[in-house]
Amino acid sequence: MIDPRILRDQPDRVRAAQAKRGLSDMVVDEALAADTRRRQAITEFEAKRA
């Protein structure tokens, strides 16, 4: 499992690790997009809850 903080802070490092394993680095972009959507949803939820 990839630490979300490493994914956000060092995406090139994660892409390189994916490439080293012979895997697509598109997964990194998809994971970053999903993390962004998740963080936005949490922010919106917290704003409505306040």
PDB file of N, CA and C in Angstrom:
ATOM      1  N   MET A   1       0.843  -1.177   0.000  1.00  0.00           N
ATOM      2  CA  MET A   1       0.000   0.000   0.000  1.00  0.00           C
ATOM      3  C   MET A   1       0.889   1.242   0.000  1.00  0.00           C
ATOM      4  N   ILE A   2       0.464   2.216  -0.754  1.00  0.00           N
ATOM      5  CA  ILE A   2       1.226   3.458  -0.879  1.00  0.00           C
ATOM      6  C   ILE A   2       0.704   4.467   0.141  1.00  0.00           C
ATOM      7  N   ASP A   3       1.606   5.067   0.880  1.00  0.00           N
ATOM      8  CA  ASP A   3       1.245   6.099   1.842  1.00  0.00           C
ATOM      9  C   ASP A   3       0.727   7.311   1.068  1.00  0.00           C
ATOM     10  N   PRO A   4      -0.485   7.774   1.367  1.00  0.00           N
ATOM     11  CA  PRO A   4      -1.041   8.924   0.639  1.00  0.00           C
ATOM     12  C   PRO A   4      -0.165  10.174   0.711  1.00  0.00           C
ATOM     13  N   ARG A   5       0.536  10.357   1.815  1.00  0.00           N
ATOM     14  CA  ARG A   5       1.411  11.529   1.928  1.00  0.00           C
ATOM     15  C   ARG A   5       2.568  11.444   0.938  1.00  0.00           C
ATOM     16  N   ILE A   6       3.132  10.254   0.781  1.00  0.00           N
ATOM     17  CA  ILE A   6       4.216  10.085  -0.196  1.00  0.00           C
ATOM     18  C   ILE A   6       3.671  10.284  -1.599  1.00  0.00           C
ATOM     19  N   LEU A   7       2.483   9.762  -1.846  1.00  0.00           N
ATOM     20  CA  LEU A   7       1.854   9.926  -3.154  1.00  0.00           C
ATOM     21  C   LEU A   7       1.673  11.402  -3.486  1.00  0.00           C
ATOM     22  N   ARG A   8       1.207  12.195  -2.512  1.00  0.00           N
ATOM     23  CA  ARG A   8       0.996  13.634  -2.730  1.00  0.00           C
ATOM     24  C   ARG A   8       2.306  14.399  -2.833  1.00  0.00           C
ATOM     25  N   ASP A   9       3.252  14.082  -1.947  1.00  0.00           N
ATOM     26  CA  ASP A   9       4.482  14.864  -1.850  1.00  0.00           C
ATOM     27  C   ASP A   9       5.562  14.452  -2.851  1.00  0.00           C
ATOM     28  N   GLN A  10       5.549  13.176  -3.251  1.00  0.00           N
ATOM     29  CA  GLN A  10       6.607  12.670  -4.123  1.00  0.00           C
ATOM     30  C   GLN A  10       6.034  11.777  -5.226  1.00  0.00           C
ATOM     31  N   PRO A  11       5.131  12.303  -6.041  1.00  0.00           N
ATOM     32  CA  PRO A  11       4.508  11.453  -7.062  1.00  0.00           C
ATOM     33  C   PRO A  11       5.507  10.896  -8.078  1.00  0.00           C
ATOM     34  N   ASP A  12       6.582  11.635  -8.353  1.00  0.00           N
ATOM     35  CA  ASP A  12       7.579  11.133  -9.305  1.00  0.00           C
ATOM     36  C   ASP A  12       8.287   9.896  -8.759  1.00  0.00           C
ATOM     37  N   ARG A  13       8.493   9.881  -7.461  1.00  0.00           N
ATOM     38  CA  ARG A  13       9.108   8.709  -6.817  1.00  0.00           C
ATOM     39  C   ARG A  13       8.200   7.488  -6.963  1.00  0.00           C
ATOM     40  N   VAL A  14       6.902   7.690  -6.786  1.00  0.00           N
ATOM     41  CA  VAL A  14       5.950   6.591  -6.916  1.00  0.00           C
ATOM     42  C   VAL A  14       5.867   6.140  -8.377  1.00  0.00           C
ATOM     43  N   ARG A  15       5.866   7.098  -9.303  1.00  0.00           N
ATOM     44  CA  ARG A  15       5.854   6.749 -10.735  1.00  0.00           C
ATOM     45  C   ARG A  15       7.078   5.907 -11.101  1.00  0.00           C
ATOM     46  N   ALA A  16       8.238   6.300 -10.584  1.00  0.00           N
ATOM     47  CA  ALA A  16       9.468   5.557 -10.864  1.00  0.00           C
ATOM     48  C   ALA A  16       9.383   4.140 -10.310  1.00  0.00           C
ATOM     49  N   ALA A  17       8.809   4.000  -9.126  1.00  0.00           N
ATOM     50  CA  ALA A  17       8.658   2.667  -8.532  1.00  0.00           C
ATOM     51  C   ALA A  17       7.711   1.810  -9.368  1.00  0.00           C
ATOM     52  N   GLN A  18       6.649   2.425  -9.867  1.00  0.00           N
ATOM     53  CA  GLN A  18       5.710   1.696 -10.728  1.00  0.00           C
ATOM     54  C   GLN A  18       6.414   1.240 -12.001  1.00  0.00           C
ATOM     55  N   ALA A  19       7.177   2.129 -12.608  1.00  0.00           N
ATOM     56  CA  ALA A  19       7.884   1.800 -13.845  1.00  0.00           C
ATOM     57  C   ALA A  19       8.912   0.693 -13.602  1.00  0.00           C
ATOM     58  N   LYS A  20       9.576   0.746 -12.463  1.00  0.00           N
ATOM     59  CA  LYS A  20      10.576  -0.268 -12.125  1.00  0.00           C
ATOM     60  C   LYS A  20       9.941  -1.651 -12.037  1.00  0.00           C
ATOM     61  N   ARG A  21       8.692  -1.689 -11.599  1.00  0.00           N
ATOM     62  CA  ARG A  21       7.969  -2.957 -11.492  1.00  0.00           C
ATOM     63  C   ARG A  21       7.318  -3.359 -12.817  1.00  0.00           C
ATOM     64  N   GLY A  22       7.453  -2.501 -13.814  1.00  0.00           N
ATOM     65  CA  GLY A  22       6.842  -2.790 -15.107  1.00  0.00           C
ATOM     66  C   GLY A  22       5.356  -2.498 -15.139  1.00  0.00           C
ATOM     67  N   LEU A  23       4.903  -1.642 -14.231  1.00  0.00           N
ATOM     68  CA  LEU A  23       3.490  -1.289 -14.138  1.00  0.00           C
ATOM     69  C   LEU A  23       3.255   0.108 -14.700  1.00  0.00           C
ATOM     70  N   SER A  24       2.028   0.377 -15.059  1.00  0.00           N
ATOM     71  CA  SER A  24       1.666   1.669 -15.629  1.00  0.00           C
ATOM     72  C   SER A  24       1.730   2.761 -14.569  1.00  0.00           C
ATOM     73  N   ASP A  25       2.252   3.911 -14.962  1.00  0.00           N
ATOM     74  CA  ASP A  25       2.282   5.037 -14.027  1.00  0.00           C
ATOM     75  C   ASP A  25       0.978   5.829 -14.063  1.00  0.00           C
ATOM     76  N   MET A  26       0.054   5.446 -14.941  1.00  0.00           N
ATOM     77  CA  MET A  26      -1.253   6.108 -14.981  1.00  0.00           C
ATOM     78  C   MET A  26      -2.012   5.899 -13.674  1.00  0.00           C
ATOM     79  N   VAL A  27      -1.711   4.818 -12.987  1.00  0.00           N
ATOM     80  CA  VAL A  27      -2.355   4.529 -11.711  1.00  0.00           C
ATOM     81  C   VAL A  27      -2.038   5.636 -10.707  1.00  0.00           C
ATOM     82  N   VAL A  28      -0.841   6.174 -10.784  1.00  0.00           N
ATOM     83  CA  VAL A  28      -0.435   7.246  -9.873  1.00  0.00           C
ATOM     84  C   VAL A  28      -1.305   8.476 -10.111  1.00  0.00           C
ATOM     85  N   ASP A  29      -1.511   8.834 -11.367  1.00  0.00           N
ATOM     86  CA  ASP A  29      -2.354   9.987 -11.683  1.00  0.00           C
ATOM     87  C   ASP A  29      -3.791   9.760 -11.224  1.00  0.00           C
ATOM     88  N   GLU A  30      -4.295   8.545 -11.413  1.00  0.00           N
ATOM     89  CA  GLU A  30      -5.653   8.225 -10.976  1.00  0.00           C
ATOM     90  C   GLU A  30      -5.761   8.298  -9.455  1.00  0.00           C
ATOM     91  N   ALA A  31      -4.751   7.799  -8.761  1.00  0.00           N
ATOM     92  CA  ALA A  31      -4.752   7.844  -7.300  1.00  0.00           C
ATOM     93  C   ALA A  31      -4.665   9.282  -6.794  1.00  0.00           C
ATOM     94  N   LEU A  32      -3.858  10.105  -7.446  1.00  0.00           N
ATOM     95  CA  LEU A  32      -3.766  11.520  -7.063  1.00  0.00           C
ATOM     96  C   LEU A  32      -5.103  12.226  -7.261  1.00  0.00           C
ATOM     97  N   ALA A  33      -5.767  11.940  -8.370  1.00  0.00           N
ATOM     98  CA  ALA A  33      -7.072  12.550  -8.638  1.00  0.00           C
ATOM     99  C   ALA A  33      -8.097  12.097  -7.604  1.00  0.00           C
ATOM    100  N   ALA A  34      -8.084  10.817  -7.264  1.00  0.00           N
ATOM    101  CA  ALA A  34      -9.016  10.293  -6.265  1.00  0.00           C
ATOM    102  C   ALA A  34      -8.744  10.922  -4.900  1.00  0.00           C
ATOM    103  N   ASP A  35      -7.475  11.088  -4.555  1.00  0.00           N
ATOM    104  CA  ASP A  35      -7.119  11.708  -3.281  1.00  0.00           C
ATOM    105  C   ASP A  35      -7.580  13.158  -3.240  1.00  0.00           C
ATOM    106  N   THR A  36      -7.432  13.868  -4.341  1.00  0.00           N
ATOM    107  CA  THR A  36      -7.885  15.261  -4.415  1.00  0.00           C
ATOM    108  C   THR A  36      -9.394  15.345  -4.230  1.00  0.00           C
ATOM    109  N   ARG A  37     -10.129  14.466  -4.913  1.00  0.00           N
ATOM    110  CA  ARG A  37     -11.594  14.457  -4.763  1.00  0.00           C
ATOM    111  C   ARG A  37     -11.996  14.133  -3.331  1.00  0.00           C
ATOM    112  N   ARG A  38     -11.305  13.188  -2.716  1.00  0.00           N
ATOM    113  CA  ARG A  38     -11.608  12.806  -1.333  1.00  0.00           C
ATOM    114  C   ARG A  38     -11.371  13.977  -0.383  1.00  0.00           C
ATOM    115  N   ARG A  39     -10.243  14.647  -0.552  1.00  0.00           N
ATOM    116  CA  ARG A  39      -9.927  15.770   0.327  1.00  0.00           C
ATOM    117  C   ARG A  39     -10.919  16.918   0.150  1.00  0.00           C
ATOM    118  N   GLN A  40     -11.349  17.158  -1.093  1.00  0.00           N
ATOM    119  CA  GLN A  40     -12.346  18.197  -1.350  1.00  0.00           C
ATOM    120  C   GLN A  40     -13.680  17.833  -0.711  1.00  0.00           C
ATOM    121  N   ALA A  41     -14.069  16.575  -0.815  1.00  0.00           N
ATOM    122  CA  ALA A  41     -15.333  16.128  -0.228  1.00  0.00           C
ATOM    123  C   ALA A  41     -15.309  16.285   1.286  1.00  0.00           C
ATOM    124  N   ILE A  42     -14.192  15.958   1.901  1.00  0.00           N
ATOM    125  CA  ILE A  42     -14.070  16.109   3.351  1.00  0.00           C
ATOM    126  C   ILE A  42     -14.171  17.578   3.733  1.00  0.00           C
ATOM    127  N   THR A  43     -13.506  18.450   2.978  1.00  0.00           N
ATOM    128  CA  THR A  43     -13.552  19.885   3.251  1.00  0.00           C
ATOM    129  C   THR A  43     -14.978  20.413   3.138  1.00  0.00           C
ATOM    130  N   GLU A  44     -15.679  20.009   2.083  1.00  0.00           N
ATOM    131  CA  GLU A  44     -17.070  20.446   1.901  1.00  0.00           C
ATOM    132  C   GLU A  44     -17.956  19.930   3.025  1.00  0.00           C
ATOM    133  N   PHE A  45     -17.768  18.687   3.408  1.00  0.00           N
ATOM    134  CA  PHE A  45     -18.557  18.101   4.488  1.00  0.00           C
ATOM    135  C   PHE A  45     -18.324  18.851   5.792  1.00  0.00           C
ATOM    136  N   GLU A  46     -17.064  19.109   6.103  1.00  0.00           N
ATOM    137  CA  GLU A  46     -16.736  19.816   7.344  1.00  0.00           C
ATOM    138  C   GLU A  46     -17.305  21.234   7.338  1.00  0.00           C
ATOM    139  N   ALA A  47     -17.301  21.897   6.188  1.00  0.00           N
ATOM    140  CA  ALA A  47     -17.850  23.251   6.098  1.00  0.00           C
ATOM    141  C   ALA A  47     -19.353  23.240   6.339  1.00  0.00           C
ATOM    142  N   LYS A  48     -20.038  22.247   5.807  1.00  0.00           N
ATOM    143  CA  LYS A  48     -21.487  22.157   6.002  1.00  0.00           C
ATOM    144  C   LYS A  48     -21.834  21.750   7.422  1.00  0.00           C
ATOM    145  N   ARG A  49     -20.979  20.966   8.026  1.00  0.00           N
ATOM    146  CA  ARG A  49     -21.224  20.492   9.381  1.00  0.00           C
ATOM    147  C   ARG A  49     -21.020  21.600  10.410  1.00  0.00           C
ATOM    148  N   ALA A  50     -20.155  22.548  10.095  1.00  0.00           N
ATOM    149  CA  ALA A  50     -19.823  23.624  11.043  1.00  0.00           C
ATOM    150  C   ALA A  50     -20.946  24.618  11.203  1.00  0.00           C
TER     151      ALA A  50
END
